[in-house]
Amino acid sequence: MQVKLLTTQYIVEAGSRRRYEPGDWVNVGRMTAQQWIAEGTATVPGLDQAEAIAGNLENCCLLVRGGIKQARAITSKYRNLKAGIWDDKLPHERNLLWNPREIGLTPEQAVVGFSLIENTRPDYDAWEVAAMLQGRETLAVHFGPESEREKTKQVISDLRVPVFNTAALWIRKTPLAQRLLKTWWHEIHAGADERHAFLRALYQVPGILISTLPAGWLGIR
């Protein structure tokens, strides 16, 4: 279970003792996570906001890859949340693009993400995209096949940039976000690696506002 540390912890990984600092997200057994949460040494912040956010989902849509049936566990709890099939369009003001074959989402995790891209004031530039990192130390220079890395390097020059986990993306409907999605979608359907294609699309749409979430945000795995 993914938790956010509030105190320093030492965790044994592959036979070695590793130090983690407050603010780090770590993956530990459920019993350990629950014990730390009870002790106040770790937390999963944000999930307690789900019920309050759920009252404002009329302009939100869950877009699923591989069949809309996967959305039922979420939409059955939050019936004011619409669902559809993932393609190159953003049908509603706030959208969640989800690939359930790669990542699991609870209803609460899905809903809290919508709050990150809500535009609450006309004079405020809200986030257009919210995306988790693929991993704590995953950079494009080490990720994916060499052919994809070379294509990405031609667009962004320096591959020492973090890779985003594209299996769950919250996207607000704006001209820039629609351009980003179309650019990314067409690359994917041409056979490109999703994560490298997303990086390339980001750099081809300058000015888009993206909120970078830590890997395993809200315990998502």
Protein backbone atom coordinates (compact mmCIF):
# COMPACT_ATOMS: atom_id res chain seq x y z
CA MET A 1 0.00 0.00 0.00
CA GLN A 2 1.32 3.45 -0.92
CA VAL A 3 1.57 5.94 1.96
CA LYS A 4 3.15 9.34 2.43
CA LEU A 5 5.65 9.47 5.28
CA LEU A 6 5.35 12.05 8.03
CA THR A 7 8.53 10.90 9.79
CA THR A 8 11.82 9.31 8.76
CA GLN A 9 11.55 5.54 8.21
CA TYR A 10 14.04 2.82 7.39
CA ILE A 11 12.78 0.11 5.03
CA VAL A 12 14.57 -3.07 4.01
CA GLU A 13 14.55 -3.48 0.21
CA ALA A 14 16.36 -6.32 -1.59
CA GLY A 15 18.34 -7.06 1.56
CA SER A 16 19.48 -3.47 2.10
CA ARG A 17 18.23 -0.95 4.66
CA ARG A 18 17.16 2.28 2.94
CA ARG A 19 16.30 5.60 4.57
CA TYR A 20 13.15 7.49 3.52
CA GLU A 21 12.39 11.06 4.57
CA PRO A 22 9.14 12.86 5.48
CA GLY A 23 7.20 13.59 2.30
CA ASP A 24 8.39 10.45 0.50
CA TRP A 25 5.80 8.03 -0.86
CA VAL A 26 6.60 4.39 -0.12
CA ASN A 27 4.97 1.06 -0.89
CA VAL A 28 4.67 -1.16 2.20
CA GLY A 29 2.44 -4.00 3.34
CA ARG A 30 -1.12 -3.09 4.25
CA MET A 31 -0.69 -3.96 7.94
CA THR A 32 2.44 -1.82 8.20
CA ALA A 33 0.73 1.05 6.39
CA GLN A 34 -2.29 0.90 8.66
CA GLN A 35 -0.07 0.80 11.73
CA TRP A 36 1.90 3.85 10.59
CA ILE A 37 -1.30 5.74 9.79
CA ALA A 38 -2.69 4.90 13.25
CA GLU A 39 0.59 6.05 14.85
CA GLY A 40 0.57 9.28 12.86
CA THR A 41 3.86 8.51 11.11
CA ALA A 42 2.30 8.17 7.64
CA THR A 43 -0.83 9.24 5.81
CA VAL A 44 -2.76 8.99 2.57
CA PRO A 45 -3.91 12.62 2.28
CA GLY A 46 -6.73 13.70 0.04
CA LEU A 47 -9.01 10.70 0.05
CA ASP A 48 -11.12 12.20 2.83
CA GLN A 49 -12.10 14.95 0.37
CA ALA A 50 -13.88 12.56 -1.98
CA GLU A 51 -17.38 12.87 -0.54
CA ALA A 52 -17.29 16.67 -0.62
CA ILE A 53 -15.99 16.68 -4.18
CA ALA A 54 -18.57 14.12 -5.28
CA GLY A 55 -21.34 16.71 -5.11
CA ASN A 56 -19.78 18.60 -8.01
CA LEU A 57 -19.29 16.01 -10.75
CA GLU A 58 -21.96 17.05 -13.26
CA ASN A 59 -19.33 18.39 -15.68
CA CYS A 60 -16.97 15.42 -15.20
CA CYS A 61 -16.50 12.30 -17.31
CA LEU A 62 -14.60 9.04 -16.87
CA LEU A 63 -13.17 7.95 -20.23
CA VAL A 64 -12.07 4.32 -20.28
CA ARG A 65 -9.83 2.38 -22.61
CA GLY A 66 -10.84 -1.16 -23.44
CA GLY A 67 -14.55 -0.96 -22.64
CA ILE A 68 -16.91 1.08 -20.54
CA LYS A 69 -17.77 -1.89 -18.25
CA GLN A 70 -14.62 -1.16 -16.26
CA ALA A 71 -16.12 2.16 -15.16
CA ARG A 72 -19.11 0.65 -13.37
CA ALA A 73 -17.40 0.23 -10.01
CA ILE A 74 -16.80 3.99 -9.97
CA THR A 75 -19.99 5.30 -11.58
CA SER A 76 -22.18 3.01 -9.45
CA LYS A 77 -20.96 4.89 -6.37
CA TYR A 78 -20.95 8.35 -7.95
CA ARG A 79 -23.98 8.29 -10.22
CA ASN A 80 -23.60 11.91 -11.29
CA LEU A 81 -20.26 10.99 -12.92
CA LYS A 82 -20.59 10.32 -16.66
CA ALA A 83 -18.64 7.58 -18.45
CA GLY A 84 -17.53 7.05 -22.03
CA ILE A 85 -14.88 5.51 -24.28
CA TRP A 86 -11.42 7.09 -24.46
CA ASP A 87 -10.59 8.66 -27.84
CA ASP A 88 -9.06 11.90 -29.15
CA LYS A 89 -11.85 14.17 -27.83
CA LEU A 90 -12.61 15.74 -24.46
CA PRO A 91 -16.41 15.59 -24.18
CA HIS A 92 -16.81 17.40 -20.84
CA GLU A 93 -15.19 20.19 -18.90
CA ARG A 94 -13.22 17.79 -16.69
CA ASN A 95 -12.19 14.34 -17.87
CA LEU A 96 -10.31 11.34 -16.50
CA LEU A 97 -8.55 9.19 -19.10
CA TRP A 98 -8.09 5.76 -17.55
CA ASN A 99 -6.55 2.50 -18.71
CA PRO A 100 -7.77 -0.10 -16.17
CA ARG A 101 -5.53 -2.78 -17.66
CA GLU A 102 -2.49 -0.89 -16.38
CA ILE A 103 -3.63 0.81 -13.21
CA GLY A 104 -6.34 0.32 -10.60
CA LEU A 105 -8.49 3.17 -9.29
CA THR A 106 -10.93 3.25 -6.42
CA PRO A 107 -13.96 5.55 -6.78
CA GLU A 108 -12.44 7.93 -4.23
CA GLN A 109 -9.10 8.15 -6.03
CA ALA A 110 -10.81 8.91 -9.33
CA VAL A 111 -12.98 11.63 -7.82
CA VAL A 112 -10.27 13.47 -5.89
CA GLY A 113 -8.28 13.92 -9.10
CA PHE A 114 -11.10 15.96 -10.64
CA SER A 115 -10.65 18.62 -7.96
CA LEU A 116 -7.11 19.33 -9.19
CA ILE A 117 -8.28 20.57 -12.59
CA GLU A 118 -11.36 22.50 -11.47
CA ASN A 119 -11.42 26.12 -12.62
CA THR A 120 -13.06 27.88 -9.69
CA ARG A 121 -12.45 31.51 -10.72
CA PRO A 122 -12.58 33.22 -14.13
CA ASP A 123 -9.38 35.15 -13.34
CA TYR A 124 -7.46 32.04 -12.29
CA ASP A 125 -5.37 29.80 -14.53
CA ALA A 126 -6.28 26.35 -13.22
CA TRP A 127 -4.30 23.22 -14.05
CA GLU A 128 -5.24 21.78 -17.43
CA VAL A 129 -3.67 18.36 -16.79
CA ALA A 130 -2.88 16.38 -13.64
CA ALA A 131 -0.55 13.41 -14.11
CA MET A 132 1.45 11.11 -11.86
CA LEU A 133 5.11 10.36 -12.37
CA GLN A 134 5.87 6.87 -13.65
CA GLY A 135 8.37 6.32 -10.87
CA ARG A 136 10.33 8.20 -8.25
CA GLU A 137 13.52 8.05 -10.33
CA THR A 138 12.23 7.13 -13.81
CA LEU A 139 13.75 9.35 -16.50
CA ALA A 140 13.14 9.26 -20.24
CA VAL A 141 16.82 8.56 -20.90
CA HIS A 142 16.43 5.10 -19.32
CA PHE A 143 12.82 4.35 -20.25
CA GLY A 144 11.40 2.52 -23.26
CA PRO A 145 13.01 1.20 -26.44
CA GLU A 146 15.95 3.00 -28.01
CA SER A 147 13.90 3.98 -31.07
CA GLU A 148 11.39 5.82 -28.87
CA ARG A 149 14.13 7.52 -26.87
CA GLU A 150 15.70 8.77 -30.08
CA LYS A 151 12.37 10.17 -31.33
CA THR A 152 11.81 11.92 -28.01
CA LYS A 153 15.34 13.35 -28.02
CA GLN A 154 14.68 14.93 -31.40
CA VAL A 155 11.76 16.82 -29.86
CA ILE A 156 12.99 17.73 -26.37
CA SER A 157 16.80 17.52 -26.82
CA ASP A 158 17.58 16.43 -23.24
CA LEU A 159 16.16 13.10 -22.04
CA ARG A 160 16.93 13.76 -18.39
CA VAL A 161 13.28 14.49 -17.69
CA PRO A 162 10.73 12.50 -15.66
CA VAL A 163 8.31 10.12 -17.37
CA PHE A 164 4.58 10.42 -16.65
CA ASN A 165 2.28 7.50 -15.94
CA THR A 166 -0.30 7.90 -18.70
CA ALA A 167 -2.64 5.18 -17.42
CA ALA A 168 -4.57 7.81 -15.43
CA LEU A 169 -4.72 11.43 -16.59
CA TRP A 170 -7.11 14.14 -15.44
CA ILE A 171 -7.57 16.68 -18.24
CA ARG A 172 -9.63 19.89 -18.34
CA LYS A 173 -11.22 20.81 -21.64
CA THR A 174 -9.27 23.76 -23.04
CA PRO A 175 -7.89 24.51 -26.53
CA LEU A 176 -4.37 23.56 -25.43
CA ALA A 177 -5.51 20.36 -23.72
CA GLN A 178 -7.50 19.30 -26.77
CA ARG A 179 -4.45 19.91 -28.95
CA LEU A 180 -2.32 17.86 -26.53
CA LEU A 181 -4.75 14.94 -26.61
CA LYS A 182 -5.06 14.89 -30.39
CA THR A 183 -1.27 15.02 -30.84
CA TRP A 184 -0.78 12.21 -28.33
CA TRP A 185 -3.66 10.10 -29.65
CA HIS A 186 -2.42 10.14 -33.25
CA GLU A 187 1.09 9.09 -32.16
CA ILE A 188 -0.31 6.20 -30.12
CA HIS A 189 -2.37 4.95 -33.03
CA ALA A 190 0.71 5.09 -35.20
CA GLY A 191 2.29 2.55 -32.83
CA ALA A 192 4.30 4.85 -30.54
CA ASP A 193 5.09 4.13 -26.90
CA GLU A 194 2.38 5.91 -24.87
CA ARG A 195 4.65 7.50 -22.31
CA HIS A 196 7.25 8.78 -24.74
CA ALA A 197 4.50 9.99 -27.06
CA PHE A 198 2.97 11.92 -24.16
CA LEU A 199 6.29 13.64 -23.41
CA ARG A 200 6.66 14.61 -27.04
CA ALA A 201 3.11 15.94 -27.15
CA LEU A 202 3.70 18.03 -24.03
CA TYR A 203 6.71 19.72 -25.60
CA GLN A 204 4.76 20.36 -28.80
CA VAL A 205 2.04 22.21 -26.88
CA PRO A 206 3.95 24.95 -25.03
CA GLY A 207 2.11 26.80 -22.31
CA ILE A 208 -0.12 23.96 -21.14
CA LEU A 209 -0.43 23.88 -17.34
CA ILE A 210 0.32 20.44 -15.89
CA SER A 211 0.22 19.46 -12.23
CA THR A 212 2.88 16.83 -11.57
CA LEU A 213 1.76 14.30 -8.97
CA PRO A 214 4.15 11.92 -7.18
CA ALA A 215 4.29 8.30 -8.25
CA GLY A 216 1.68 6.36 -6.32
CA TRP A 217 -0.32 9.49 -5.48
CA LEU A 218 -3.21 8.69 -3.08
CA GLY A 219 -2.00 5.11 -2.98
CA ILE A 220 -2.76 4.51 -6.68
CA ARG A 221 -0.91 1.48 -8.05
